[in-house]
PDB file of N, CA and C in Angstrom:
ATOM      1  N   MET A   1      -8.346  -2.857   8.195  1.00  0.00           N
ATOM      2  CA  MET A   1      -9.739  -3.134   8.437  1.00  0.00           C
ATOM      3  C   MET A   1      -9.892  -4.277   9.453  1.00  0.00           C
ATOM      4  N   THR A   2     -10.813  -4.098  10.391  1.00  0.00           N
ATOM      5  CA  THR A   2     -11.036  -5.162  11.347  1.00  0.00           C
ATOM      6  C   THR A   2     -12.164  -6.036  10.830  1.00  0.00           C
ATOM      7  N   HIS A   3     -12.042  -7.324  11.078  1.00  0.00           N
ATOM      8  CA  HIS A   3     -13.046  -8.279  10.631  1.00  0.00           C
ATOM      9  C   HIS A   3     -13.992  -8.568  11.778  1.00  0.00           C
ATOM     10  N   PRO A   4     -15.294  -8.647  11.461  1.00  0.00           N
ATOM     11  CA  PRO A   4     -16.241  -8.927  12.541  1.00  0.00           C
ATOM     12  C   PRO A   4     -16.141 -10.353  13.072  1.00  0.00           C
ATOM     13  N   ILE A   5     -15.539 -11.255  12.333  1.00  0.00           N
ATOM     14  CA  ILE A   5     -15.456 -12.660  12.759  1.00  0.00           C
ATOM     15  C   ILE A   5     -13.993 -13.059  12.937  1.00  0.00           C
ATOM     16  N   THR A   6     -13.663 -13.651  14.088  1.00  0.00           N
ATOM     17  CA  THR A   6     -12.333 -14.169  14.301  1.00  0.00           C
ATOM     18  C   THR A   6     -12.392 -15.660  14.623  1.00  0.00           C
ATOM     19  N   VAL A   7     -11.646 -16.446  13.905  1.00  0.00           N
ATOM     20  CA  VAL A   7     -11.529 -17.873  14.117  1.00  0.00           C
ATOM     21  C   VAL A   7     -10.230 -18.134  14.858  1.00  0.00           C
ATOM     22  N   TYR A   8     -10.317 -18.775  16.016  1.00  0.00           N
ATOM     23  CA  TYR A   8      -9.158 -19.089  16.808  1.00  0.00           C
ATOM     24  C   TYR A   8      -8.905 -20.597  16.716  1.00  0.00           C
ATOM     25  N   GLY A   9      -7.661 -20.958  16.533  1.00  0.00           N
ATOM     26  CA  GLY A   9      -7.339 -22.398  16.492  1.00  0.00           C
ATOM     27  C   GLY A   9      -5.910 -22.645  16.048  1.00  0.00           C
ATOM     28  N   ILE A  10      -5.722 -23.837  15.522  1.00  0.00           N
ATOM     29  CA  ILE A  10      -4.421 -24.312  15.080  1.00  0.00           C
ATOM     30  C   ILE A  10      -4.560 -24.728  13.603  1.00  0.00           C
ATOM     31  N   PRO A  11      -3.695 -24.192  12.745  1.00  0.00           N
ATOM     32  CA  PRO A  11      -3.874 -24.384  11.273  1.00  0.00           C
ATOM     33  C   PRO A  11      -3.919 -25.856  10.832  1.00  0.00           C
ATOM     34  N   ASN A  12      -3.184 -26.748  11.482  1.00  0.00           N
ATOM     35  CA  ASN A  12      -3.169 -28.148  11.022  1.00  0.00           C
ATOM     36  C   ASN A  12      -4.261 -28.990  11.639  1.00  0.00           C
ATOM     37  N   CYS A  13      -5.157 -28.403  12.432  1.00  0.00           N
ATOM     38  CA  CYS A  13      -6.309 -29.110  13.006  1.00  0.00           C
ATOM     39  C   CYS A  13      -7.342 -29.331  11.921  1.00  0.00           C
ATOM     40  N   ASP A  14      -7.794 -30.561  11.715  1.00  0.00           N
ATOM     41  CA  ASP A  14      -8.751 -30.871  10.648  1.00  0.00           C
ATOM     42  C   ASP A  14     -10.042 -30.087  10.780  1.00  0.00           C
ATOM     43  N   THR A  15     -10.554 -29.932  12.002  1.00  0.00           N
ATOM     44  CA  THR A  15     -11.795 -29.201  12.223  1.00  0.00           C
ATOM     45  C   THR A  15     -11.643 -27.735  11.884  1.00  0.00           C
ATOM     46  N   VAL A  16     -10.501 -27.153  12.241  1.00  0.00           N
ATOM     47  CA  VAL A  16     -10.218 -25.773  11.928  1.00  0.00           C
ATOM     48  C   VAL A  16     -10.120 -25.597  10.385  1.00  0.00           C
ATOM     49  N   LYS A  17      -9.469 -26.558   9.739  1.00  0.00           N
ATOM     50  CA  LYS A  17      -9.326 -26.510   8.289  1.00  0.00           C
ATOM     51  C   LYS A  17     -10.707 -26.513   7.640  1.00  0.00           C
ATOM     52  N   LYS A  18     -11.584 -27.428   8.119  1.00  0.00           N
ATOM     53  CA  LYS A  18     -12.952 -27.504   7.578  1.00  0.00           C
ATOM     54  C   LYS A  18     -13.698 -26.174   7.792  1.00  0.00           C
ATOM     55  N   ALA A  19     -13.590 -25.626   8.989  1.00  0.00           N
ATOM     56  CA  ALA A  19     -14.294 -24.386   9.320  1.00  0.00           C
ATOM     57  C   ALA A  19     -13.792 -23.223   8.431  1.00  0.00           C
ATOM     58  N   ARG A  20     -12.474 -23.108   8.269  1.00  0.00           N
ATOM     59  CA  ARG A  20     -11.931 -22.021   7.463  1.00  0.00           C
ATOM     60  C   ARG A  20     -12.327 -22.181   5.994  1.00  0.00           C
ATOM     61  N   THR A  21     -12.273 -23.405   5.522  1.00  0.00           N
ATOM     62  CA  THR A  21     -12.649 -23.669   4.121  1.00  0.00           C
ATOM     63  C   THR A  21     -14.108 -23.348   3.897  1.00  0.00           C
ATOM     64  N   TRP A  22     -14.954 -23.752   4.872  1.00  0.00           N
ATOM     65  CA  TRP A  22     -16.395 -23.488   4.753  1.00  0.00           C
ATOM     66  C   TRP A  22     -16.680 -22.000   4.738  1.00  0.00           C
ATOM     67  N   LEU A  23     -16.071 -21.245   5.669  1.00  0.00           N
ATOM     68  CA  LEU A  23     -16.280 -19.783   5.711  1.00  0.00           C
ATOM     69  C   LEU A  23     -15.835 -19.133   4.427  1.00  0.00           C
ATOM     70  N   THR A  24     -14.717 -19.542   3.901  1.00  0.00           N
ATOM     71  CA  THR A  24     -14.186 -18.993   2.642  1.00  0.00           C
ATOM     72  C   THR A  24     -15.145 -19.289   1.515  1.00  0.00           C
ATOM     73  N   ALA A  25     -15.671 -20.514   1.454  1.00  0.00           N
ATOM     74  CA  ALA A  25     -16.631 -20.919   0.404  1.00  0.00           C
ATOM     75  C   ALA A  25     -17.921 -20.099   0.489  1.00  0.00           C
ATOM     76  N   GLN A  26     -18.281 -19.656   1.694  1.00  0.00           N
ATOM     77  CA  GLN A  26     -19.504 -18.838   1.861  1.00  0.00           C
ATOM     78  C   GLN A  26     -19.227 -17.365   1.565  1.00  0.00           C
ATOM     79  N   GLY A  27     -17.955 -17.042   1.281  1.00  0.00           N
ATOM     80  CA  GLY A  27     -17.613 -15.652   1.001  1.00  0.00           C
ATOM     81  C   GLY A  27     -17.552 -14.807   2.246  1.00  0.00           C
ATOM     82  N   VAL A  28     -17.296 -15.441   3.395  1.00  0.00           N
ATOM     83  CA  VAL A  28     -17.257 -14.732   4.674  1.00  0.00           C
ATOM     84  C   VAL A  28     -15.845 -14.224   4.932  1.00  0.00           C
ATOM     85  N   ASP A  29     -15.747 -12.947   5.269  1.00  0.00           N
ATOM     86  CA  ASP A  29     -14.478 -12.329   5.585  1.00  0.00           C
ATOM     87  C   ASP A  29     -14.191 -12.595   7.074  1.00  0.00           C
ATOM     88  N   PHE A  30     -13.045 -13.141   7.383  1.00  0.00           N
ATOM     89  CA  PHE A  30     -12.735 -13.446   8.791  1.00  0.00           C
ATOM     90  C   PHE A  30     -11.226 -13.340   9.022  1.00  0.00           C
ATOM     91  N   THR A  31     -10.870 -13.209  10.287  1.00  0.00           N
ATOM     92  CA  THR A  31      -9.468 -13.193  10.703  1.00  0.00           C
ATOM     93  C   THR A  31      -9.177 -14.543  11.357  1.00  0.00           C
ATOM     94  N   PHE A  32      -8.018 -15.078  11.075  1.00  0.00           N
ATOM     95  CA  PHE A  32      -7.590 -16.325  11.764  1.00  0.00           C
ATOM     96  C   PHE A  32      -6.519 -16.010  12.805  1.00  0.00           C
ATOM     97  N   HIS A  33      -6.724 -16.468  14.005  1.00  0.00           N
ATOM     98  CA  HIS A  33      -5.775 -16.326  15.101  1.00  0.00           C
ATOM     99  C   HIS A  33      -5.160 -17.695  15.386  1.00  0.00           C
ATOM    100  N   ASP A  34      -3.874 -17.798  15.102  1.00  0.00           N
ATOM    101  CA  ASP A  34      -3.150 -19.076  15.265  1.00  0.00           C
ATOM    102  C   ASP A  34      -2.586 -19.196  16.677  1.00  0.00           C
ATOM    103  N   PHE A  35      -3.136 -20.139  17.441  1.00  0.00           N
ATOM    104  CA  PHE A  35      -2.652 -20.373  18.819  1.00  0.00           C
ATOM    105  C   PHE A  35      -1.148 -20.668  18.845  1.00  0.00           C
ATOM    106  N   LYS A  36      -0.659 -21.405  17.861  1.00  0.00           N
ATOM    107  CA  LYS A  36       0.755 -21.821  17.859  1.00  0.00           C
ATOM    108  C   LYS A  36       1.689 -20.625  17.662  1.00  0.00           C
ATOM    109  N   LYS A  37       1.308 -19.696  16.785  1.00  0.00           N
ATOM    110  CA  LYS A  37       2.171 -18.541  16.459  1.00  0.00           C
ATOM    111  C   LYS A  37       1.872 -17.355  17.354  1.00  0.00           C
ATOM    112  N   GLN A  38       0.583 -17.163  17.689  1.00  0.00           N
ATOM    113  CA  GLN A  38       0.193 -15.928  18.372  1.00  0.00           C
ATOM    114  C   GLN A  38      -0.182 -16.185  19.874  1.00  0.00           C
ATOM    115  N   GLY A  39      -0.221 -17.435  20.249  1.00  0.00           N
ATOM    116  CA  GLY A  39      -0.572 -17.749  21.622  1.00  0.00           C
ATOM    117  C   GLY A  39      -2.069 -17.652  21.910  1.00  0.00           C
ATOM    118  N   VAL A  40      -2.441 -17.995  23.103  1.00  0.00           N
ATOM    119  CA  VAL A  40      -3.830 -17.898  23.537  1.00  0.00           C
ATOM    120  C   VAL A  40      -3.998 -16.516  24.167  1.00  0.00           C
ATOM    121  N   PRO A  41      -4.896 -15.681  23.631  1.00  0.00           N
ATOM    122  CA  PRO A  41      -5.087 -14.357  24.219  1.00  0.00           C
ATOM    123  C   PRO A  41      -5.833 -14.468  25.544  1.00  0.00           C
ATOM    124  N   GLU A  42      -5.166 -14.061  26.632  1.00  0.00           N
ATOM    125  CA  GLU A  42      -5.727 -14.261  27.949  1.00  0.00           C
ATOM    126  C   GLU A  42      -7.074 -13.547  28.145  1.00  0.00           C
ATOM    127  N   LYS A  43      -7.187 -12.333  27.648  1.00  0.00           N
ATOM    128  CA  LYS A  43      -8.419 -11.577  27.777  1.00  0.00           C
ATOM    129  C   LYS A  43      -9.577 -12.307  27.068  1.00  0.00           C
ATOM    130  N   GLN A  44      -9.264 -12.801  25.878  1.00  0.00           N
ATOM    131  CA  GLN A  44     -10.292 -13.566  25.124  1.00  0.00           C
ATOM    132  C   GLN A  44     -10.635 -14.867  25.837  1.00  0.00           C
ATOM    133  N   LEU A  45      -9.638 -15.558  26.350  1.00  0.00           N
ATOM    134  CA  LEU A  45      -9.881 -16.806  27.074  1.00  0.00           C
ATOM    135  C   LEU A  45     -10.811 -16.563  28.250  1.00  0.00           C
ATOM    136  N   ASP A  46     -10.604 -15.509  28.984  1.00  0.00           N
ATOM    137  CA  ASP A  46     -11.480 -15.150  30.108  1.00  0.00           C
ATOM    138  C   ASP A  46     -12.903 -14.919  29.637  1.00  0.00           C
ATOM    139  N   LEU A  47     -13.044 -14.247  28.506  1.00  0.00           N
ATOM    140  CA  LEU A  47     -14.381 -14.003  27.915  1.00  0.00           C
ATOM    141  C   LEU A  47     -15.032 -15.324  27.503  1.00  0.00           C
ATOM    142  N   TRP A  48     -14.255 -16.215  26.901  1.00  0.00           N
ATOM    143  CA  TRP A  48     -14.788 -17.494  26.463  1.00  0.00           C
ATOM    144  C   TRP A  48     -15.265 -18.313  27.649  1.00  0.00           C
ATOM    145  N   ILE A  49     -14.446 -18.348  28.718  1.00  0.00           N
ATOM    146  CA  ILE A  49     -14.808 -19.090  29.925  1.00  0.00           C
ATOM    147  C   ILE A  49     -16.100 -18.542  30.511  1.00  0.00           C
ATOM    148  N   ALA A  50     -16.213 -17.210  30.549  1.00  0.00           N
ATOM    149  CA  ALA A  50     -17.394 -16.570  31.096  1.00  0.00           C
ATOM    150  C   ALA A  50     -18.602 -16.813  30.225  1.00  0.00           C
ATOM    151  N   THR A  51     -18.425 -16.903  28.932  1.00  0.00           N
ATOM    152  CA  THR A  51     -19.528 -17.026  27.956  1.00  0.00           C
ATOM    153  C   THR A  51     -19.998 -18.459  27.769  1.00  0.00           C
ATOM    154  N   VAL A  52     -19.076 -19.380  27.487  1.00  0.00           N
ATOM    155  CA  VAL A  52     -19.454 -20.749  27.136  1.00  0.00           C
ATOM    156  C   VAL A  52     -19.102 -21.775  28.234  1.00  0.00           C
ATOM    157  N   GLY A  53     -18.268 -21.368  29.193  1.00  0.00           N
ATOM    158  CA  GLY A  53     -17.880 -22.289  30.279  1.00  0.00           C
ATOM    159  C   GLY A  53     -16.634 -23.056  29.950  1.00  0.00           C
ATOM    160  N   TRP A  54     -15.792 -23.275  30.966  1.00  0.00           N
ATOM    161  CA  TRP A  54     -14.527 -23.968  30.749  1.00  0.00           C
ATOM    162  C   TRP A  54     -14.718 -25.420  30.329  1.00  0.00           C
ATOM    163  N   GLU A  55     -15.807 -26.036  30.769  1.00  0.00           N
ATOM    164  CA  GLU A  55     -16.039 -27.460  30.448  1.00  0.00           C
ATOM    165  C   GLU A  55     -16.180 -27.660  28.928  1.00  0.00           C
ATOM    166  N   LYS A  56     -16.753 -26.680  28.246  1.00  0.00           N
ATOM    167  CA  LYS A  56     -16.932 -26.785  26.783  1.00  0.00           C
ATOM    168  C   LYS A  56     -15.628 -26.505  26.036  1.00  0.00           C
ATOM    169  N   LEU A  57     -14.771 -25.725  26.662  1.00  0.00           N
ATOM    170  CA  LEU A  57     -13.523 -25.339  26.020  1.00  0.00           C
ATOM    171  C   LEU A  57     -12.423 -26.397  26.123  1.00  0.00           C
ATOM    172  N   VAL A  58     -12.402 -27.170  27.211  1.00  0.00           N
ATOM    173  CA  VAL A  58     -11.358 -28.180  27.387  1.00  0.00           C
ATOM    174  C   VAL A  58     -11.755 -29.431  26.627  1.00  0.00           C
ATOM    175  N   ASN A  59     -10.938 -29.789  25.631  1.00  0.00           N
ATOM    176  CA  ASN A  59     -11.216 -30.924  24.791  1.00  0.00           C
ATOM    177  C   ASN A  59     -10.648 -32.219  25.454  1.00  0.00           C
ATOM    178  N   ARG A  60     -11.516 -32.931  26.159  1.00  0.00           N
ATOM    179  CA  ARG A  60     -11.096 -34.106  26.874  1.00  0.00           C
ATOM    180  C   ARG A  60     -10.963 -35.332  25.963  1.00  0.00           C
ATOM    181  N   GLN A  61     -11.363 -35.205  24.675  1.00  0.00           N
ATOM    182  CA  GLN A  61     -11.222 -36.318  23.731  1.00  0.00           C
ATOM    183  C   GLN A  61      -9.971 -36.187  22.905  1.00  0.00           C
ATOM    184  N   GLY A  62      -9.313 -35.037  22.981  1.00  0.00           N
ATOM    185  CA  GLY A  62      -8.181 -34.771  22.106  1.00  0.00           C
ATOM    186  C   GLY A  62      -6.866 -35.468  22.542  1.00  0.00           C
ATOM    187  N   GLN A  63      -5.971 -35.533  21.605  1.00  0.00           N
ATOM    188  CA  GLN A  63      -4.661 -36.176  21.830  1.00  0.00           C
ATOM    189  C   GLN A  63      -3.889 -35.459  22.929  1.00  0.00           C
ATOM    190  N   THR A  64      -3.942 -34.118  22.951  1.00  0.00           N
ATOM    191  CA  THR A  64      -3.164 -33.370  23.975  1.00  0.00           C
ATOM    192  C   THR A  64      -3.644 -33.737  25.365  1.00  0.00           C
ATOM    193  N   TRP A  65      -4.952 -33.848  25.568  1.00  0.00           N
ATOM    194  CA  TRP A  65      -5.517 -34.212  26.855  1.00  0.00           C
ATOM    195  C   TRP A  65      -5.069 -35.619  27.259  1.00  0.00           C
ATOM    196  N   ARG A  66      -5.134 -36.543  26.304  1.00  0.00           N
ATOM    197  CA  ARG A  66      -4.780 -37.956  26.622  1.00  0.00           C
ATOM    198  C   ARG A  66      -3.306 -38.072  26.986  1.00  0.00           C
ATOM    199  N   LYS A  67      -2.479 -37.196  26.483  1.00  0.00           N
ATOM    200  CA  LYS A  67      -1.030 -37.257  26.771  1.00  0.00           C
ATOM    201  C   LYS A  67      -0.685 -36.659  28.151  1.00  0.00           C
ATOM    202  N   LEU A  68      -1.596 -35.923  28.711  1.00  0.00           N
ATOM    203  CA  LEU A  68      -1.343 -35.301  30.012  1.00  0.00           C
ATOM    204  C   LEU A  68      -1.309 -36.344  31.116  1.00  0.00           C
ATOM    205  N   GLU A  69      -0.509 -36.119  32.117  1.00  0.00           N
ATOM    206  CA  GLU A  69      -0.465 -37.047  33.260  1.00  0.00           C
ATOM    207  C   GLU A  69      -1.837 -37.059  33.931  1.00  0.00           C
ATOM    208  N   ALA A  70      -2.172 -38.214  34.532  1.00  0.00           N
ATOM    209  CA  ALA A  70      -3.476 -38.345  35.208  1.00  0.00           C
ATOM    210  C   ALA A  70      -3.663 -37.287  36.303  1.00  0.00           C
ATOM    211  N   ALA A  71      -2.560 -36.978  37.008  1.00  0.00           N
ATOM    212  CA  ALA A  71      -2.634 -35.971  38.081  1.00  0.00           C
ATOM    213  C   ALA A  71      -2.995 -34.588  37.519  1.00  0.00           C
ATOM    214  N   VAL A  72      -2.454 -34.254  36.334  1.00  0.00           N
ATOM    215  CA  VAL A  72      -2.752 -32.976  35.694  1.00  0.00           C
ATOM    216  C   VAL A  72      -4.212 -32.943  35.262  1.00  0.00           C
ATOM    217  N   GLN A  73      -4.651 -34.034  34.645  1.00  0.00           N
ATOM    218  CA  GLN A  73      -6.080 -34.151  34.241  1.00  0.00           C
ATOM    219  C   GLN A  73      -6.997 -33.999  35.448  1.00  0.00           C
ATOM    220  N   ALA A  74      -6.677 -34.681  36.518  1.00  0.00           N
ATOM    221  CA  ALA A  74      -7.526 -34.642  37.755  1.00  0.00           C
ATOM    222  C   ALA A  74      -7.518 -33.248  38.366  1.00  0.00           C
ATOM    223  N   GLY A  75      -6.451 -32.499  38.136  1.00  0.00           N
ATOM    224  CA  GLY A  75      -6.328 -31.145  38.697  1.00  0.00           C
ATOM    225  C   GLY A  75      -7.195 -30.119  38.006  1.00  0.00           C
ATOM    226  N   VAL A  76      -7.775 -30.463  36.863  1.00  0.00           N
ATOM    227  CA  VAL A  76      -8.634 -29.535  36.126  1.00  0.00           C
ATOM    228  C   VAL A  76     -10.052 -29.709  36.653  1.00  0.00           C
ATOM    229  N   ALA A  77     -10.387 -28.888  37.636  1.00  0.00           N
ATOM    230  CA  ALA A  77     -11.634 -29.080  38.339  1.00  0.00           C
ATOM    231  C   ALA A  77     -12.531 -27.823  38.354  1.00  0.00           C
ATOM    232  N   ASP A  78     -11.966 -26.690  37.918  1.00  0.00           N
ATOM    233  CA  ASP A  78     -12.738 -25.463  37.925  1.00  0.00           C
ATOM    234  C   ASP A  78     -12.189 -24.506  36.869  1.00  0.00           C
ATOM    235  N   ALA A  79     -12.784 -23.348  36.746  1.00  0.00           N
ATOM    236  CA  ALA A  79     -12.418 -22.376  35.688  1.00  0.00           C
ATOM    237  C   ALA A  79     -10.964 -21.948  35.838  1.00  0.00           C
ATOM    238  N   LEU A  80     -10.507 -21.737  37.070  1.00  0.00           N
ATOM    239  CA  LEU A  80      -9.145 -21.276  37.288  1.00  0.00           C
ATOM    240  C   LEU A  80      -8.104 -22.304  36.855  1.00  0.00           C
ATOM    241  N   SER A  81      -8.310 -23.592  37.227  1.00  0.00           N
ATOM    242  CA  SER A  81      -7.355 -24.619  36.855  1.00  0.00           C
ATOM    243  C   SER A  81      -7.428 -24.887  35.349  1.00  0.00           C
ATOM    244  N   ALA A  82      -8.622 -24.818  34.791  1.00  0.00           N
ATOM    245  CA  ALA A  82      -8.812 -25.043  33.351  1.00  0.00           C
ATOM    246  C   ALA A  82      -8.128 -23.912  32.583  1.00  0.00           C
ATOM    247  N   ARG A  83      -8.246 -22.695  33.073  1.00  0.00           N
ATOM    248  CA  ARG A  83      -7.620 -21.531  32.397  1.00  0.00           C
ATOM    249  C   ARG A  83      -6.111 -21.725  32.371  1.00  0.00           C
ATOM    250  N   ALA A  84      -5.515 -22.105  33.492  1.00  0.00           N
ATOM    251  CA  ALA A  84      -4.079 -22.308  33.578  1.00  0.00           C
ATOM    252  C   ALA A  84      -3.654 -23.408  32.573  1.00  0.00           C
ATOM    253  N   LEU A  85      -4.390 -24.474  32.497  1.00  0.00           N
ATOM    254  CA  LEU A  85      -4.073 -25.557  31.565  1.00  0.00           C
ATOM    255  C   LEU A  85      -4.159 -25.100  30.122  1.00  0.00           C
ATOM    256  N   MET A  86      -5.212 -24.354  29.770  1.00  0.00           N
ATOM    257  CA  MET A  86      -5.397 -23.869  28.396  1.00  0.00           C
ATOM    258  C   MET A  86      -4.317 -22.864  27.997  1.00  0.00           C
ATOM    259  N   LEU A  87      -3.832 -22.077  28.942  1.00  0.00           N
ATOM    260  CA  LEU A  87      -2.742 -21.147  28.643  1.00  0.00           C
ATOM    261  C   LEU A  87      -1.438 -21.904  28.446  1.00  0.00           C
ATOM    262  N   ALA A  88      -1.230 -22.975  29.223  1.00  0.00           N
ATOM    263  CA  ALA A  88       0.008 -23.760  29.126  1.00  0.00           C
ATOM    264  C   ALA A  88       0.000 -24.680  27.927  1.00  0.00           C
ATOM    265  N   HIS A  89      -1.171 -25.210  27.559  1.00  0.00           N
ATOM    266  CA  HIS A  89      -1.313 -26.178  26.458  1.00  0.00           C
ATOM    267  C   HIS A  89      -2.444 -25.737  25.532  1.00  0.00           C
ATOM    268  N   ALA A  90      -2.162 -24.823  24.607  1.00  0.00           N
ATOM    269  CA  ALA A  90      -3.215 -24.302  23.718  1.00  0.00           C
ATOM    270  C   ALA A  90      -3.918 -25.422  22.953  1.00  0.00           C
ATOM    271  N   SER A  91      -3.224 -26.517  22.676  1.00  0.00           N
ATOM    272  CA  SER A  91      -3.831 -27.612  21.910  1.00  0.00           C
ATOM    273  C   SER A  91      -4.953 -28.331  22.662  1.00  0.00           C
ATOM    274  N   VAL A  92      -5.089 -28.079  23.944  1.00  0.00           N
ATOM    275  CA  VAL A  92      -6.155 -28.732  24.714  1.00  0.00           C
ATOM    276  C   VAL A  92      -7.495 -27.984  24.542  1.00  0.00           C
ATOM    277  N   ILE A  93      -7.454 -26.818  23.913  1.00  0.00           N
ATOM    278  CA  ILE A  93      -8.668 -26.043  23.674  1.00  0.00           C
ATOM    279  C   ILE A  93      -9.425 -26.657  22.524  1.00  0.00           C
ATOM    280  N   LYS A  94     -10.720 -26.917  22.717  1.00  0.00           N
ATOM    281  CA  LYS A  94     -11.557 -27.444  21.626  1.00  0.00           C
ATOM    282  C   LYS A  94     -11.644 -26.372  20.518  1.00  0.00           C
ATOM    283  N   ARG A  95     -11.497 -26.818  19.323  1.00  0.00           N
ATOM    284  CA  ARG A  95     -11.382 -25.882  18.190  1.00  0.00           C
ATOM    285  C   ARG A  95     -12.420 -26.149  17.114  1.00  0.00           C
ATOM    286  N   PRO A  96     -12.672 -25.132  16.305  1.00  0.00           N
ATOM    287  CA  PRO A  96     -12.251 -23.731  16.491  1.00  0.00           C
ATOM    288  C   PRO A  96     -13.147 -23.013  17.497  1.00  0.00           C
ATOM    289  N   VAL A  97     -12.577 -21.973  18.112  1.00  0.00           N
ATOM    290  CA  VAL A  97     -13.363 -21.042  18.904  1.00  0.00           C
ATOM    291  C   VAL A  97     -13.609 -19.881  17.943  1.00  0.00           C
ATOM    292  N   VAL A  98     -14.868 -19.511  17.767  1.00  0.00           N
ATOM    293  CA  VAL A  98     -15.191 -18.422  16.825  1.00  0.00           C
ATOM    294  C   VAL A  98     -15.868 -17.301  17.593  1.00  0.00           C
ATOM    295  N   GLN A  99     -15.310 -16.126  17.425  1.00  0.00           N
ATOM    296  CA  GLN A  99     -15.945 -14.925  17.978  1.00  0.00           C
ATOM    297  C   GLN A  99     -16.622 -14.243  16.798  1.00  0.00           C
ATOM    298  N   TRP A 100     -17.982 -14.323  16.825  1.00  0.00           N
ATOM    299  CA  TRP A 100     -18.779 -13.736  15.766  1.00  0.00           C
ATOM    300  C   TRP A 100     -18.918 -12.240  16.042  1.00  0.00           C
ATOM    301  N   SER A 101     -19.461 -11.501  15.092  1.00  0.00           N
ATOM    302  CA  SER A 101     -19.651 -10.083  15.332  1.00  0.00           C
ATOM    303  C   SER A 101     -20.490  -9.898  16.591  1.00  0.00           C
ATOM    304  N   GLY A 102     -20.098  -8.971  17.417  1.00  0.00           N
ATOM    305  CA  GLY A 102     -20.707  -8.841  18.741  1.00  0.00           C
ATOM    306  C   GLY A 102     -19.911  -9.738  19.689  1.00  0.00           C
ATOM    307  N   ALA A 103     -20.558 -10.135  20.759  1.00  0.00           N
ATOM    308  CA  ALA A 103     -19.857 -10.958  21.753  1.00  0.00           C
ATOM    309  C   ALA A 103     -20.232 -12.445  21.652  1.00  0.00           C
ATOM    310  N   ASP A 104     -20.862 -12.817  20.579  1.00  0.00           N
ATOM    311  CA  ASP A 104     -21.321 -14.208  20.419  1.00  0.00           C
ATOM    312  C   ASP A 104     -20.134 -15.135  20.144  1.00  0.00           C
ATOM    313  N   ILE A 105     -20.092 -16.254  20.864  1.00  0.00           N
ATOM    314  CA  ILE A 105     -18.951 -17.183  20.750  1.00  0.00           C
ATOM    315  C   ILE A 105     -19.460 -18.601  20.574  1.00  0.00           C
ATOM    316  N   THR A 106     -18.830 -19.305  19.611  1.00  0.00           N
ATOM    317  CA  THR A 106     -19.146 -20.740  19.453  1.00  0.00           C
ATOM    318  C   THR A 106     -17.852 -21.525  19.541  1.00  0.00           C
ATOM    319  N   VAL A 107     -17.991 -22.800  19.918  1.00  0.00           N
ATOM    320  CA  VAL A 107     -16.844 -23.719  20.002  1.00  0.00           C
ATOM    321  C   VAL A 107     -17.145 -24.932  19.150  1.00  0.00           C
ATOM    322  N   GLY A 108     -16.217 -25.275  18.264  1.00  0.00           N
ATOM    323  CA  GLY A 108     -16.431 -26.403  17.360  1.00  0.00           C
ATOM    324  C   GLY A 108     -17.011 -25.926  16.037  1.00  0.00           C
ATOM    325  N   PHE A 109     -17.136 -26.831  15.084  1.00  0.00           N
ATOM    326  CA  PHE A 109     -17.667 -26.478  13.773  1.00  0.00           C
ATOM    327  C   PHE A 109     -18.943 -27.230  13.515  1.00  0.00           C
ATOM    328  N   ASP A 110     -19.975 -26.479  13.139  1.00  0.00           N
ATOM    329  CA  ASP A 110     -21.298 -27.008  12.805  1.00  0.00           C
ATOM    330  C   ASP A 110     -21.810 -26.215  11.605  1.00  0.00           C
ATOM    331  N   ALA A 111     -21.639 -26.768  10.398  1.00  0.00           N
ATOM    332  CA  ALA A 111     -21.979 -26.051   9.171  1.00  0.00           C
ATOM    333  C   ALA A 111     -23.442 -25.568   9.182  1.00  0.00           C
ATOM    334  N   ALA A 112     -24.367 -26.432   9.614  1.00  0.00           N
ATOM    335  CA  ALA A 112     -25.788 -26.058   9.589  1.00  0.00           C
ATOM    336  C   ALA A 112     -26.070 -24.871  10.528  1.00  0.00           C
ATOM    337  N   ALA A 113     -25.521 -24.951  11.733  1.00  0.00           N
ATOM    338  CA  ALA A 113     -25.720 -23.838  12.705  1.00  0.00           C
ATOM    339  C   ALA A 113     -25.023 -22.580  12.193  1.00  0.00           C
ATOM    340  N   TRP A 114     -23.870 -22.708  11.616  1.00  0.00           N
ATOM    341  CA  TRP A 114     -23.165 -21.525  11.075  1.00  0.00           C
ATOM    342  C   TRP A 114     -23.920 -20.893   9.944  1.00  0.00           C
ATOM    343  N   ALA A 115     -24.511 -21.723   9.040  1.00  0.00           N
ATOM    344  CA  ALA A 115     -25.292 -21.207   7.915  1.00  0.00           C
ATOM    345  C   ALA A 115     -26.447 -20.383   8.420  1.00  0.00           C
ATOM    346  N   THR A 116     -27.131 -20.882   9.465  1.00  0.00           N
ATOM    347  CA  THR A 116     -28.243 -20.153  10.060  1.00  0.00           C
ATOM    348  C   THR A 116     -27.788 -18.830  10.629  1.00  0.00           C
ATOM    349  N   ARG A 117     -26.639 -18.866  11.261  1.00  0.00           N
ATOM    350  CA  ARG A 117     -26.045 -17.643  11.875  1.00  0.00           C
ATOM    351  C   ARG A 117     -25.737 -16.560  10.835  1.00  0.00           C
ATOM    352  N   LEU A 118     -25.356 -16.987   9.644  1.00  0.00           N
ATOM    353  CA  LEU A 118     -24.939 -16.029   8.604  1.00  0.00           C
ATOM    354  C   LEU A 118     -26.126 -15.424   7.849  1.00  0.00           C
ATOM    355  N   LYS A 119     -27.315 -15.958   8.064  1.00  0.00           N
ATOM    356  CA  LYS A 119     -28.512 -15.432   7.338  1.00  0.00           C
ATOM    357  C   LYS A 119     -28.919 -14.081   7.851  1.00  0.00           C
TER     358      LYS A 119
END
């Protein structure tokens, strides 16, 4: 059976843990896609960039971003360079990325917004 909701992220990320726990508590059936084990799906990444924009997907506050060399950070200036970085360093993607039923995509966890979405 295919699930209408897919949560993309990394299992040990606190925000992803909160999101998965919240969805489970709401009785929502979802699939989890683990970037570490399954990689970043290129086709999905292209859709996310087209839908929400690369600026929202690149987590510039995260530890992975801070560990990158300044030249690498400076090189992320458009969708193409951001895409290459996200494919090379999945941990730089802001999490979770959620593909809701249909083509609707959200980035990050917001319990109030998600509750409204599930009504």
